[in-house]
Structures are given as structure tokens and as C-alpha cells.
Amino acid sequence: MPRLTGKNSKPHMNQAIVTIPAASLNDEFGFCSVLNEMLQTASTVGRSGKEFKDLGALSTLNNLRVLRSLHLHLRPKRTLEIGLCFGGSCLLFTATHREISGQPTHQHTALDPFQKEAWDDAGVVAVERAGLSGYLDFYPRFSNLALPQFIEAGRKFELIYIDGSHLFEDVFVDAYYCARLLADDGVILFDDCRDPHVKKVIKFIRSNLKSSLRELDLSPFRADGGKSLKYRMARFVGQTQLSAFQRAGDLPRPYNAPFTDF
């Protein structure tokens, strides 16, 4: 693993997805036709045939671009995401695993206790439609119950994407366990970091876990190289949508480790 420099509750849909012309996406997301179609039409279907439109809970286009670029760079053996929903990021992870390794060994693990209840299995169905089920290890469970079991089983992941519940206590618990599930030099990403709950967890990591989790500059993995004025301003004030940290030291910390208020 190269060293880089530099959903537990029902989600709310607060962000509209704009239909994007096919010509602008085929080159980027042609590696997964189902994801490409989802982005172009801003729609998908569940297991019962229910159609979902205006996919506000789908990972943003910028997030998907960063995840794709980072995945190709790190070439992780195992990945984990919290929050499956419509399956956009799951399609990206599983399709990229197929591209890198070829053989399906359930390389990508996803947790979502509301996949059936809230989303009519839309994310799982999308993975099935894409022929990627062999690359997915899905758990319809709450992360605060499943993650400790992963630790007990000695599981490790090189890339983790947290996009589940946005309540502070849930994000904090996800961060606590996922940090311990990171392989050496593994990367953990948090979505919706402008949300006050998520932002508070990020402040704790920056203030108290510097020796264990080094903040990662995602500029090289963005389509614009991080050069846009809007993104540079967001980074300057610590208000980016997506934040990432790379494991750089031991976890857990010593019992007498210093504490910095955040």
C-alpha cells in the first residue's frame, strides 16, 4: 500500500441530482454501464420494480471521481463502505475491483441496515444488474454492531468510505472502529464534512489523532487537480465535502495520551 502525502439511520434526501449528458460521462464511467446509466438518467429501480428519481442520496459526481482515482492509485485488496443506499459508490468500488483483480472474492464490504426497508434493495439490485455480486460482501446491519465483529475477526481494509448516519455519535463510532480496521497506510474517507455533526468528528481527528491518522490532500485525485478557486477556498477554511486520512501510526493510543479540546 503506497503512502500518500500531503448510514446507520434513515438518510434524508437533501440534494438533487442533475441529469448529465452521456457524452460527458462515457469516458469517465464507461467501466460500469449501470453506474453510467444511473448518472445519466438520475434514476434507478428497486427489487419490486419501484423507480427512484432525483437521486439526492447518491454520492456526488466529484466524490465518485475522487473515489475512482484513489482506488486505482492505491489498488486496495479490500474496501469497506458504510451506507449503500442506491449503490453508486458500491458500483464504483466493485467494478474497480473487477478491473484490477479480475477474480471475484467479495473484495468490497458494504453495510446498510435500511437497504431493504428504505431503498427497496436498490443498491443490491444495481450491483446484481452490473454482474458484480461476486465482488460484494453485503451486511444489512448497523455499523456499530458489525464493525466490532470485524475487528474481532481480524479483518483489515485498505480503503474505507464512511457515508452512513450523519448524527455525531454515529459518525464518531464509525470513525472509532474504522480507524482500527485500517490496514497500514490505509485510507479512510468521510462524506458530507460540512454537516455540523460530521465536521465535529473531523475536528476531533485533526486535534487528537494526528500521530495515528495523517490528513490526506485529495487535490491530486480530483478532476480539476484541486485548482478551482471554490475548492481551494473550501480547503483553506476546512469546509470540503470530502475529507480523508491515511493511517500513519498505531491505534489505539496509549491510555495516557494527551487530549486537545476541539
C-alpha atoms as a PDB file:
ATOM      1  CA  MET A   1       0.000   0.000   0.000  1.00  0.00           C
ATOM      2  CA  PRO A   2       1.649   3.292  -1.056  1.00  0.00           C
ATOM      3  CA  ARG A   3       1.956   6.091   1.485  1.00  0.00           C
ATOM      4  CA  LEU A   4       0.356   9.267   0.230  1.00  0.00           C
ATOM      5  CA  THR A   5       1.309  12.767   1.060  1.00  0.00           C
ATOM      6  CA  GLY A   6       0.011  15.761   1.636  1.00  0.00           C
ATOM      7  CA  LYS A   7     -25.541   5.042   7.028  1.00  0.00           C
ATOM      8  CA  ASN A   8     -26.822   3.850  10.469  1.00  0.00           C
ATOM      9  CA  SER A   9     -30.152   5.717  10.336  1.00  0.00           C
ATOM     10  CA  LYS A  10     -32.520   6.540   7.520  1.00  0.00           C
ATOM     11  CA  PRO A  11     -30.828   9.204   5.384  1.00  0.00           C
ATOM     12  CA  HIS A  12     -32.529  12.368   4.304  1.00  0.00           C
ATOM     13  CA  MET A  13     -32.552  13.358   0.647  1.00  0.00           C
ATOM     14  CA  ASN A  14     -31.390  16.954   0.523  1.00  0.00           C
ATOM     15  CA  GLN A  15     -29.545  17.197  -2.733  1.00  0.00           C
ATOM     16  CA  ALA A  16     -30.943  16.994  -6.256  1.00  0.00           C
ATOM     17  CA  ILE A  17     -29.018  15.212  -8.985  1.00  0.00           C
ATOM     18  CA  VAL A  18     -28.951  16.936 -12.374  1.00  0.00           C
ATOM     19  CA  THR A  19     -29.194  14.711 -15.436  1.00  0.00           C
ATOM     20  CA  ILE A  20     -25.813  14.728 -17.165  1.00  0.00           C
ATOM     21  CA  PRO A  21     -25.281  14.289 -20.932  1.00  0.00           C
ATOM     22  CA  ALA A  22     -23.947  10.864 -21.878  1.00  0.00           C
ATOM     23  CA  ALA A  23     -21.040  12.265 -23.855  1.00  0.00           C
ATOM     24  CA  SER A  24     -19.568  13.889 -20.754  1.00  0.00           C
ATOM     25  CA  LEU A  25     -19.649  10.683 -18.703  1.00  0.00           C
ATOM     26  CA  ASN A  26     -18.969   7.767 -21.006  1.00  0.00           C
ATOM     27  CA  ASP A  27     -15.213   8.177 -20.865  1.00  0.00           C
ATOM     28  CA  GLU A  28     -15.211   8.528 -17.076  1.00  0.00           C
ATOM     29  CA  PHE A  29     -17.721   5.881 -16.039  1.00  0.00           C
ATOM     30  CA  GLY A  30     -17.806   3.564 -19.018  1.00  0.00           C
ATOM     31  CA  PHE A  31     -16.096   0.957 -16.826  1.00  0.00           C
ATOM     32  CA  CYS A  32     -19.531   0.321 -15.238  1.00  0.00           C
ATOM     33  CA  SER A  33     -22.520   0.646 -17.561  1.00  0.00           C
ATOM     34  CA  VAL A  34     -25.093   0.525 -14.738  1.00  0.00           C
ATOM     35  CA  LEU A  35     -23.397   3.372 -12.835  1.00  0.00           C
ATOM     36  CA  ASN A  36     -23.030   5.322 -16.074  1.00  0.00           C
ATOM     37  CA  GLU A  37     -26.752   4.897 -16.789  1.00  0.00           C
ATOM     38  CA  MET A  38     -27.677   5.905 -13.236  1.00  0.00           C
ATOM     39  CA  LEU A  39     -25.671   9.125 -13.509  1.00  0.00           C
ATOM     40  CA  GLN A  40     -27.079   9.983 -16.938  1.00  0.00           C
ATOM     41  CA  THR A  41     -30.733   9.381 -16.072  1.00  0.00           C
ATOM     42  CA  ALA A  42     -30.681  10.276 -12.354  1.00  0.00           C
ATOM     43  CA  SER A  43     -32.884   7.252 -11.770  1.00  0.00           C
ATOM     44  CA  THR A  44     -32.730   3.623 -10.676  1.00  0.00           C
ATOM     45  CA  VAL A  45     -35.073   0.805  -9.681  1.00  0.00           C
ATOM     46  CA  GLY A  46     -35.602  -1.363  -6.608  1.00  0.00           C
ATOM     47  CA  ARG A  47     -36.313  -5.068  -6.346  1.00  0.00           C
ATOM     48  CA  SER A  48     -40.093  -4.586  -6.508  1.00  0.00           C
ATOM     49  CA  GLY A  49     -39.761  -2.521  -9.664  1.00  0.00           C
ATOM     50  CA  LYS A  50     -40.192   0.751  -7.794  1.00  0.00           C
ATOM     51  CA  GLU A  51     -38.485   3.593  -9.641  1.00  0.00           C
ATOM     52  CA  PHE A  52     -36.398   6.161  -7.795  1.00  0.00           C
ATOM     53  CA  LYS A  53     -35.802   9.540  -9.417  1.00  0.00           C
ATOM     54  CA  ASP A  54     -33.807  12.627  -8.424  1.00  0.00           C
ATOM     55  CA  LEU A  55     -31.262  10.540  -6.523  1.00  0.00           C
ATOM     56  CA  GLY A  56     -30.380  13.046  -3.827  1.00  0.00           C
ATOM     57  CA  ALA A  57     -28.740  10.409  -1.634  1.00  0.00           C
ATOM     58  CA  LEU A  58     -26.399   9.243  -4.392  1.00  0.00           C
ATOM     59  CA  SER A  59     -22.706  10.054  -3.964  1.00  0.00           C
ATOM     60  CA  THR A  60     -21.847  13.260  -5.778  1.00  0.00           C
ATOM     61  CA  LEU A  61     -20.082  13.180  -9.122  1.00  0.00           C
ATOM     62  CA  ASN A  62     -16.989  14.777  -7.583  1.00  0.00           C
ATOM     63  CA  ASN A  63     -16.917  12.168  -4.812  1.00  0.00           C
ATOM     64  CA  LEU A  64     -17.193   9.343  -7.318  1.00  0.00           C
ATOM     65  CA  ARG A  65     -14.349  10.784  -9.342  1.00  0.00           C
ATOM     66  CA  VAL A  66     -12.119  11.031  -6.289  1.00  0.00           C
ATOM     67  CA  LEU A  67     -13.014   7.524  -5.102  1.00  0.00           C
ATOM     68  CA  ARG A  68     -12.280   6.095  -8.531  1.00  0.00           C
ATOM     69  CA  SER A  69      -8.935   7.853  -8.847  1.00  0.00           C
ATOM     70  CA  LEU A  70      -7.903   6.947  -5.305  1.00  0.00           C
ATOM     71  CA  HIS A  71      -8.940   3.314  -5.762  1.00  0.00           C
ATOM     72  CA  LEU A  72      -6.899   2.995  -8.943  1.00  0.00           C
ATOM     73  CA  HIS A  73      -3.902   4.573  -7.215  1.00  0.00           C
ATOM     74  CA  LEU A  74      -3.995   2.535  -4.007  1.00  0.00           C
ATOM     75  CA  ARG A  75      -5.138  -0.732  -5.627  1.00  0.00           C
ATOM     76  CA  PRO A  76      -6.590  -1.958  -2.301  1.00  0.00           C
ATOM     77  CA  LYS A  77      -7.226  -5.645  -1.769  1.00  0.00           C
ATOM     78  CA  ARG A  78     -10.217  -4.968   0.499  1.00  0.00           C
ATOM     79  CA  THR A  79     -12.565  -1.981   0.730  1.00  0.00           C
ATOM     80  CA  LEU A  80     -15.401  -1.059   3.087  1.00  0.00           C
ATOM     81  CA  GLU A  81     -18.252   1.419   2.933  1.00  0.00           C
ATOM     82  CA  ILE A  82     -20.915   2.384   5.438  1.00  0.00           C
ATOM     83  CA  GLY A  83     -24.154   3.360   3.725  1.00  0.00           C
ATOM     84  CA  LEU A  84     -25.199   1.605   0.496  1.00  0.00           C
ATOM     85  CA  CYS A  85     -28.424   3.395  -0.484  1.00  0.00           C
ATOM     86  CA  PHE A  86     -28.753   3.447  -4.309  1.00  0.00           C
ATOM     87  CA  GLY A  87     -25.362   1.799  -4.768  1.00  0.00           C
ATOM     88  CA  GLY A  88     -23.459   4.450  -6.698  1.00  0.00           C
ATOM     89  CA  SER A  89     -20.218   4.206  -4.749  1.00  0.00           C
ATOM     90  CA  CYS A  90     -20.703   0.444  -4.328  1.00  0.00           C
ATOM     91  CA  LEU A  91     -20.859   0.027  -8.100  1.00  0.00           C
ATOM     92  CA  LEU A  92     -17.699   2.071  -8.400  1.00  0.00           C
ATOM     93  CA  PHE A  93     -15.804   0.015  -5.821  1.00  0.00           C
ATOM     94  CA  THR A  94     -16.923  -3.386  -7.093  1.00  0.00           C
ATOM     95  CA  ALA A  95     -16.355  -2.531 -10.758  1.00  0.00           C
ATOM     96  CA  THR A  96     -12.894  -1.174  -9.990  1.00  0.00           C
ATOM     97  CA  HIS A  97     -12.046  -4.335  -8.056  1.00  0.00           C
ATOM     98  CA  ARG A  98     -13.104  -6.319 -11.127  1.00  0.00           C
ATOM     99  CA  GLU A  99     -10.884  -4.167 -13.298  1.00  0.00           C
ATOM    100  CA  ILE A 100      -7.867  -4.527 -11.016  1.00  0.00           C
ATOM    101  CA  SER A 101      -8.048  -8.126  -9.823  1.00  0.00           C
ATOM    102  CA  GLY A 102     -10.384  -9.869 -12.231  1.00  0.00           C
ATOM    103  CA  GLN A 103     -11.443 -12.638  -9.882  1.00  0.00           C
ATOM    104  CA  PRO A 104     -14.479 -12.028  -7.615  1.00  0.00           C
ATOM    105  CA  THR A 105     -13.694 -12.749  -3.959  1.00  0.00           C
ATOM    106  CA  HIS A 106     -16.182 -10.379  -2.288  1.00  0.00           C
ATOM    107  CA  GLN A 107     -13.469  -7.722  -2.070  1.00  0.00           C
ATOM    108  CA  HIS A 108     -15.871  -4.903  -1.184  1.00  0.00           C
ATOM    109  CA  THR A 109     -17.860  -4.912   2.073  1.00  0.00           C
ATOM    110  CA  ALA A 110     -20.930  -2.681   2.481  1.00  0.00           C
ATOM    111  CA  LEU A 111     -23.167  -2.044   5.497  1.00  0.00           C
ATOM    112  CA  ASP A 112     -26.714  -0.673   5.353  1.00  0.00           C
ATOM    113  CA  PRO A 113     -29.490  -1.751   7.753  1.00  0.00           C
ATOM    114  CA  PHE A 114     -32.104   0.157   5.724  1.00  0.00           C
ATOM    115  CA  GLN A 115     -31.249  -1.162   2.284  1.00  0.00           C
ATOM    116  CA  LYS A 116     -34.471  -3.177   2.035  1.00  0.00           C
ATOM    117  CA  GLU A 117     -36.779  -1.031   4.185  1.00  0.00           C
ATOM    118  CA  ALA A 118     -35.939   2.400   2.815  1.00  0.00           C
ATOM    119  CA  TRP A 119     -34.409   1.708  -0.587  1.00  0.00           C
ATOM    120  CA  ASP A 120     -36.227  -1.448  -1.787  1.00  0.00           C
ATOM    121  CA  ASP A 121     -32.822  -3.139  -2.215  1.00  0.00           C
ATOM    122  CA  ALA A 122     -31.991  -0.660  -4.993  1.00  0.00           C
ATOM    123  CA  GLY A 123     -28.248  -0.716  -4.256  1.00  0.00           C
ATOM    124  CA  VAL A 124     -28.012  -4.503  -4.165  1.00  0.00           C
ATOM    125  CA  VAL A 125     -30.148  -4.779  -7.308  1.00  0.00           C
ATOM    126  CA  ALA A 126     -27.863  -2.323  -9.135  1.00  0.00           C
ATOM    127  CA  VAL A 127     -24.843  -4.479  -8.259  1.00  0.00           C
ATOM    128  CA  GLU A 128     -26.697  -7.570  -9.481  1.00  0.00           C
ATOM    129  CA  ARG A 129     -27.633  -5.847 -12.751  1.00  0.00           C
ATOM    130  CA  ALA A 130     -23.986  -4.959 -13.279  1.00  0.00           C
ATOM    131  CA  GLY A 131     -22.889  -8.567 -12.778  1.00  0.00           C
ATOM    132  CA  LEU A 132     -20.796  -7.558  -9.773  1.00  0.00           C
ATOM    133  CA  SER A 133     -22.390  -9.588  -6.962  1.00  0.00           C
ATOM    134  CA  GLY A 134     -19.271 -11.731  -6.605  1.00  0.00           C
ATOM    135  CA  TYR A 135     -17.284  -8.655  -5.626  1.00  0.00           C
ATOM    136  CA  LEU A 136     -19.709  -7.573  -2.888  1.00  0.00           C
ATOM    137  CA  ASP A 137     -19.991  -8.719   0.719  1.00  0.00           C
ATOM    138  CA  PHE A 138     -23.191  -7.024   1.913  1.00  0.00           C
ATOM    139  CA  TYR A 139     -24.404  -6.829   5.526  1.00  0.00           C
ATOM    140  CA  PRO A 140     -27.892  -5.398   6.239  1.00  0.00           C
ATOM    141  CA  ARG A 141     -26.714  -4.452   9.718  1.00  0.00           C
ATOM    142  CA  PHE A 142     -25.981  -1.381  11.832  1.00  0.00           C
ATOM    143  CA  SER A 143     -22.308  -0.482  11.685  1.00  0.00           C
ATOM    144  CA  ASN A 144     -21.993  -0.131  15.469  1.00  0.00           C
ATOM    145  CA  LEU A 145     -22.801  -3.854  15.729  1.00  0.00           C
ATOM    146  CA  ALA A 146     -20.959  -5.183  12.684  1.00  0.00           C
ATOM    147  CA  LEU A 147     -17.678  -3.245  12.900  1.00  0.00           C
ATOM    148  CA  PRO A 148     -16.597  -4.606  16.326  1.00  0.00           C
ATOM    149  CA  GLN A 149     -17.131  -8.118  14.966  1.00  0.00           C
ATOM    150  CA  PHE A 150     -14.908  -7.302  12.003  1.00  0.00           C
ATOM    151  CA  ILE A 151     -12.203  -6.229  14.453  1.00  0.00           C
ATOM    152  CA  GLU A 152     -12.566  -9.430  16.478  1.00  0.00           C
ATOM    153  CA  ALA A 153     -12.258 -11.430  13.264  1.00  0.00           C
ATOM    154  CA  GLY A 154      -9.004  -9.634  12.420  1.00  0.00           C
ATOM    155  CA  ARG A 155     -10.299  -8.098   9.220  1.00  0.00           C
ATOM    156  CA  LYS A 156      -8.408  -5.212   7.601  1.00  0.00           C
ATOM    157  CA  PHE A 157      -9.303  -2.798   4.824  1.00  0.00           C
ATOM    158  CA  GLU A 158      -7.029  -0.570   2.757  1.00  0.00           C
ATOM    159  CA  LEU A 159      -9.786   1.877   1.759  1.00  0.00           C
ATOM    160  CA  ILE A 160     -12.875   2.820   3.817  1.00  0.00           C
ATOM    161  CA  TYR A 161     -15.691   5.217   2.846  1.00  0.00           C
ATOM    162  CA  ILE A 162     -17.996   6.476   5.617  1.00  0.00           C
ATOM    163  CA  ASP A 163     -21.319   7.809   4.331  1.00  0.00           C
ATOM    164  CA  GLY A 164     -23.912   6.454   6.751  1.00  0.00           C
ATOM    165  CA  SER A 165     -25.755   8.201   9.546  1.00  0.00           C
ATOM    166  CA  HIS A 166     -24.717  11.821   9.955  1.00  0.00           C
ATOM    167  CA  LEU A 167     -25.511  12.048  13.673  1.00  0.00           C
ATOM    168  CA  PHE A 168     -22.373  12.981  15.601  1.00  0.00           C
ATOM    169  CA  GLU A 169     -22.471   9.919  17.841  1.00  0.00           C
ATOM    170  CA  ASP A 170     -22.893   7.556  14.901  1.00  0.00           C
ATOM    171  CA  VAL A 171     -20.125   9.148  12.834  1.00  0.00           C
ATOM    172  CA  PHE A 172     -17.834   9.128  15.868  1.00  0.00           C
ATOM    173  CA  VAL A 173     -18.452   5.416  16.473  1.00  0.00           C
ATOM    174  CA  ASP A 174     -17.889   4.681  12.781  1.00  0.00           C
ATOM    175  CA  ALA A 175     -14.638   6.627  12.870  1.00  0.00           C
ATOM    176  CA  TYR A 176     -13.505   4.893  16.078  1.00  0.00           C
ATOM    177  CA  TYR A 177     -13.953   1.384  14.733  1.00  0.00           C
ATOM    178  CA  CYS A 178     -12.999   2.050  11.123  1.00  0.00           C
ATOM    179  CA  ALA A 179      -9.692   3.591  12.160  1.00  0.00           C
ATOM    180  CA  ARG A 180      -8.872   0.304  13.871  1.00  0.00           C
ATOM    181  CA  LEU A 181      -9.880  -1.638  10.782  1.00  0.00           C
ATOM    182  CA  LEU A 182      -7.482   0.281   8.568  1.00  0.00           C
ATOM    183  CA  ALA A 183      -4.502  -1.622   7.228  1.00  0.00           C
ATOM    184  CA  ASP A 184      -1.100   0.052   7.449  1.00  0.00           C
ATOM    185  CA  ASP A 185      -1.136   3.127   5.199  1.00  0.00           C
ATOM    186  CA  GLY A 186      -4.855   2.549   4.574  1.00  0.00           C
ATOM    187  CA  VAL A 187      -7.127   5.499   3.811  1.00  0.00           C
ATOM    188  CA  ILE A 188     -10.436   6.428   5.445  1.00  0.00           C
ATOM    189  CA  LEU A 189     -12.785   8.954   3.800  1.00  0.00           C
ATOM    190  CA  PHE A 190     -15.711  10.885   5.298  1.00  0.00           C
ATOM    191  CA  ASP A 191     -18.502  12.293   3.143  1.00  0.00           C
ATOM    192  CA  ASP A 192     -20.619  15.384   3.910  1.00  0.00           C
ATOM    193  CA  CYS A 193     -17.942  17.000   6.070  1.00  0.00           C
ATOM    194  CA  ARG A 194     -19.746  20.340   6.004  1.00  0.00           C
ATOM    195  CA  ASP A 195     -22.539  18.788   8.057  1.00  0.00           C
ATOM    196  CA  PRO A 196     -22.038  20.042  11.651  1.00  0.00           C
ATOM    197  CA  HIS A 197     -22.175  16.515  13.096  1.00  0.00           C
ATOM    198  CA  VAL A 198     -19.576  15.130  10.699  1.00  0.00           C
ATOM    199  CA  LYS A 199     -17.496  18.292  10.935  1.00  0.00           C
ATOM    200  CA  LYS A 200     -17.198  17.849  14.706  1.00  0.00           C
ATOM    201  CA  VAL A 201     -15.786  14.353  14.280  1.00  0.00           C
ATOM    202  CA  ILE A 202     -13.286  15.625  11.726  1.00  0.00           C
ATOM    203  CA  LYS A 203     -12.175  18.298  14.206  1.00  0.00           C
ATOM    204  CA  PHE A 204     -11.573  15.598  16.835  1.00  0.00           C
ATOM    205  CA  ILE A 205      -9.420  13.597  14.442  1.00  0.00           C
ATOM    206  CA  ARG A 206      -7.411  16.646  13.442  1.00  0.00           C
ATOM    207  CA  SER A 207      -6.934  17.693  17.067  1.00  0.00           C
ATOM    208  CA  ASN A 208      -6.231  14.368  18.744  1.00  0.00           C
ATOM    209  CA  LEU A 209      -5.241  11.703  16.245  1.00  0.00           C
ATOM    210  CA  LYS A 210      -2.511  13.442  14.248  1.00  0.00           C
ATOM    211  CA  SER A 211       0.075  10.827  15.106  1.00  0.00           C
ATOM    212  CA  SER A 212      -2.209   7.994  14.005  1.00  0.00           C
ATOM    213  CA  LEU A 213      -4.191   9.471  11.124  1.00  0.00           C
ATOM    214  CA  ARG A 214      -2.488  11.893   8.762  1.00  0.00           C
ATOM    215  CA  GLU A 215      -4.833  14.141   6.789  1.00  0.00           C
ATOM    216  CA  LEU A 216      -4.636  13.442   3.087  1.00  0.00           C
ATOM    217  CA  ASP A 217      -4.699  16.087   0.378  1.00  0.00           C
ATOM    218  CA  LEU A 218      -7.265  14.902  -2.163  1.00  0.00           C
ATOM    219  CA  SER A 219      -6.374  17.559  -4.750  1.00  0.00           C
ATOM    220  CA  PRO A 220      -4.360  15.170  -6.973  1.00  0.00           C
ATOM    221  CA  PHE A 221      -7.353  12.837  -7.161  1.00  0.00           C
ATOM    222  CA  ARG A 222      -9.854  15.486  -8.273  1.00  0.00           C
ATOM    223  CA  ALA A 223     -10.681  16.032 -11.937  1.00  0.00           C
ATOM    224  CA  ASP A 224      -9.567  19.670 -11.616  1.00  0.00           C
ATOM    225  CA  GLY A 225      -6.414  18.773  -9.703  1.00  0.00           C
ATOM    226  CA  GLY A 226      -7.714  20.840  -6.805  1.00  0.00           C
ATOM    227  CA  LYS A 227      -7.095  24.055  -8.754  1.00  0.00           C
ATOM    228  CA  SER A 228     -10.588  25.508  -8.758  1.00  0.00           C
ATOM    229  CA  LEU A 229     -10.985  28.641  -6.656  1.00  0.00           C
ATOM    230  CA  LYS A 230     -14.073  27.216  -4.924  1.00  0.00           C
ATOM    231  CA  TYR A 231     -12.234  24.079  -3.829  1.00  0.00           C
ATOM    232  CA  ARG A 232      -9.107  25.954  -2.731  1.00  0.00           C
ATOM    233  CA  MET A 233     -11.228  28.277  -0.598  1.00  0.00           C
ATOM    234  CA  ALA A 234     -13.100  25.325   0.897  1.00  0.00           C
ATOM    235  CA  ARG A 235      -9.815  23.652   1.812  1.00  0.00           C
ATOM    236  CA  PHE A 236      -8.478  26.859   3.331  1.00  0.00           C
ATOM    237  CA  VAL A 237     -11.433  27.159   5.713  1.00  0.00           C
ATOM    238  CA  GLY A 238     -11.741  23.422   6.314  1.00  0.00           C
ATOM    239  CA  GLN A 239     -15.129  23.131   4.593  1.00  0.00           C
ATOM    240  CA  THR A 240     -14.576  20.486   1.918  1.00  0.00           C
ATOM    241  CA  GLN A 241     -17.321  17.961   1.193  1.00  0.00           C
ATOM    242  CA  LEU A 242     -14.946  15.014   1.366  1.00  0.00           C
ATOM    243  CA  SER A 243     -12.116  14.539   3.877  1.00  0.00           C
ATOM    244  CA  ALA A 244      -9.568  11.740   4.001  1.00  0.00           C
ATOM    245  CA  PHE A 245      -6.966  10.443   6.433  1.00  0.00           C
ATOM    246  CA  GLN A 246      -4.212   7.887   5.995  1.00  0.00           C
ATOM    247  CA  ARG A 247      -3.126   5.594   8.788  1.00  0.00           C
ATOM    248  CA  ALA A 248       0.314   6.691   9.894  1.00  0.00           C
ATOM    249  CA  GLY A 249       0.685   5.283  13.416  1.00  0.00           C
ATOM    250  CA  ASP A 250      -0.580   2.830  15.984  1.00  0.00           C
ATOM    251  CA  LEU A 251      -4.171   2.597  17.212  1.00  0.00           C
ATOM    252  CA  PRO A 252      -5.477   2.606  19.860  1.00  0.00           C
ATOM    253  CA  ARG A 253      -3.459   5.361  21.506  1.00  0.00           C
ATOM    254  CA  PRO A 254      -1.780   4.904  24.919  1.00  0.00           C
ATOM    255  CA  TYR A 255      -4.164   5.317  27.862  1.00  0.00           C
ATOM    256  CA  ASN A 256      -2.369   8.494  28.990  1.00  0.00           C
ATOM    257  CA  ALA A 257      -2.274  10.159  25.562  1.00  0.00           C
ATOM    258  CA  PRO A 258      -2.767  13.941  25.734  1.00  0.00           C
ATOM    259  CA  PHE A 259      -6.175  15.385  24.902  1.00  0.00           C
ATOM    260  CA  THR A 260      -6.710  18.552  22.867  1.00  0.00           C
ATOM    261  CA  ASP A 261     -10.065  20.291  23.148  1.00  0.00           C
ATOM    262  CA  PHE A 262     -11.870  20.573  19.809  1.00  0.00           C
END
